[in-house]
Amino acid sequence: MKFLGVTVLLAVSSSVMAFVPSSPSPFGVGVCLSAKHVQKKAAKRMHHRRPKKSRPSDINRKPTDYPTFEKPPEYTISDAAPVLASKPAAAPVAEE
């Protein structure tokens, strides 16, 4: 029985020691300082990795010349009397 108690005590103490810090940290809290370089975040990384223009035809490209388009007026103001729209007449039902 004594041997079983000692074995259990050793097993519990070894599993508890896994959660205890090995040495006190100078920062007061156990902080992991293993990061060596700051990583770029999403937008900065995508800007850094975007395809670059390397051909002279791409670098010196002229802006696109789109045709001009004049938008028609949505409403026109007239002095004529308003004309009310009437409902279309229902087609007569043919009886056979």
Protein backbone atom coordinates (compact mmCIF):
# COMPACT_ATOMS: atom_id res chain seq x y z
CA MET A 1 0.00 0.00 0.00
CA LYS A 2 2.84 2.33 0.82
CA PHE A 3 4.39 1.75 -2.59
CA LEU A 4 1.09 2.59 -4.32
CA GLY A 5 0.76 5.83 -2.33
CA VAL A 6 4.31 6.91 -3.22
CA THR A 7 3.69 6.11 -6.92
CA VAL A 8 0.49 8.15 -6.99
CA LEU A 9 2.23 11.05 -5.21
CA LEU A 10 5.07 11.06 -7.77
CA ALA A 11 2.63 10.91 -10.70
CA VAL A 12 0.55 13.83 -9.35
CA SER A 13 3.60 15.96 -8.51
CA SER A 14 5.11 15.44 -11.97
CA SER A 15 1.87 16.49 -13.72
CA VAL A 16 1.51 19.55 -11.46
CA MET A 17 5.08 20.67 -12.18
CA ALA A 18 4.17 21.04 -15.86
CA PHE A 19 2.05 24.09 -14.98
CA VAL A 20 4.56 25.84 -12.70
CA PRO A 21 6.91 28.38 -14.35
CA SER A 22 10.54 27.29 -14.32
CA SER A 23 11.94 30.66 -13.23
CA PRO A 24 10.39 33.96 -12.21
CA SER A 25 9.96 36.34 -15.13
CA PRO A 26 11.44 39.86 -14.92
CA PHE A 27 8.12 41.21 -16.29
CA GLY A 28 6.13 39.80 -13.38
CA VAL A 29 3.92 37.66 -15.62
CA GLY A 30 4.95 34.62 -17.64
CA VAL A 31 5.21 36.20 -21.10
CA CYS A 32 6.37 34.30 -24.16
CA LEU A 33 9.02 36.41 -25.88
CA SER A 34 9.95 33.97 -28.62
CA ALA A 35 8.63 36.16 -31.48
CA LYS A 36 11.59 37.59 -33.36
CA HIS A 37 9.95 39.58 -36.16
CA VAL A 38 6.66 41.40 -36.38
CA GLN A 39 4.42 39.89 -39.05
CA LYS A 40 2.56 42.03 -41.57
CA LYS A 41 -1.19 42.11 -41.11
CA ALA A 42 -3.75 41.40 -43.85
CA ALA A 43 -3.96 44.69 -45.80
CA LYS A 44 -0.26 45.48 -45.53
CA ARG A 45 0.71 41.98 -46.58
CA MET A 46 -1.61 41.99 -49.60
CA HIS A 47 -0.16 45.35 -50.68
CA HIS A 48 3.36 43.97 -50.29
CA ARG A 49 2.61 40.77 -52.26
CA ARG A 50 0.54 42.31 -55.08
CA PRO A 51 1.71 41.80 -58.66
CA LYS A 52 4.07 44.56 -59.78
CA LYS A 53 4.12 46.16 -63.25
CA SER A 54 7.38 45.07 -64.86
CA ARG A 55 6.74 45.50 -68.61
CA PRO A 56 7.20 48.99 -70.12
CA SER A 57 3.86 48.62 -71.92
CA ASP A 58 2.13 48.22 -68.55
CA ILE A 59 4.07 50.98 -66.81
CA ASN A 60 3.54 53.57 -69.57
CA ARG A 61 -0.05 52.70 -70.35
CA LYS A 62 -2.34 55.59 -71.39
CA PRO A 63 -5.68 56.04 -69.63
CA THR A 64 -8.69 54.45 -71.31
CA ASP A 65 -10.60 56.74 -73.64
CA TYR A 66 -14.28 56.07 -72.96
CA PRO A 67 -16.98 57.54 -75.26
CA THR A 68 -18.90 60.47 -73.86
CA PHE A 69 -22.46 59.82 -72.76
CA GLU A 70 -25.00 62.46 -71.90
CA LYS A 71 -27.64 61.29 -69.52
CA PRO A 72 -31.18 62.08 -70.73
CA PRO A 73 -33.34 64.15 -68.39
CA GLU A 74 -35.54 62.09 -66.12
CA TYR A 75 -38.39 64.60 -65.93
CA THR A 76 -39.45 67.30 -68.38
CA ILE A 77 -41.51 70.29 -67.34
CA SER A 78 -44.17 71.37 -69.81
CA ASP A 79 -46.97 73.95 -69.75
CA ALA A 80 -49.51 71.63 -71.41
CA ALA A 81 -52.46 70.28 -69.46
CA PRO A 82 -51.87 66.90 -67.84
CA VAL A 83 -53.17 63.84 -69.66
CA LEU A 84 -54.46 61.13 -67.36
CA ALA A 85 -53.78 57.59 -68.37
CA SER A 86 -56.85 55.37 -68.61
CA LYS A 87 -57.08 51.67 -67.91
CA PRO A 88 -57.01 49.47 -70.99
CA ALA A 89 -60.37 47.99 -71.86
CA ALA A 90 -60.80 44.36 -70.94
CA ALA A 91 -61.04 42.04 -73.92
CA PRO A 92 -64.51 40.44 -74.28
CA VAL A 93 -64.64 36.76 -73.38
CA ALA A 94 -65.58 34.63 -76.37
CA GLU A 95 -68.35 32.12 -75.66
CA GLU A 96 -68.58 28.92 -77.61
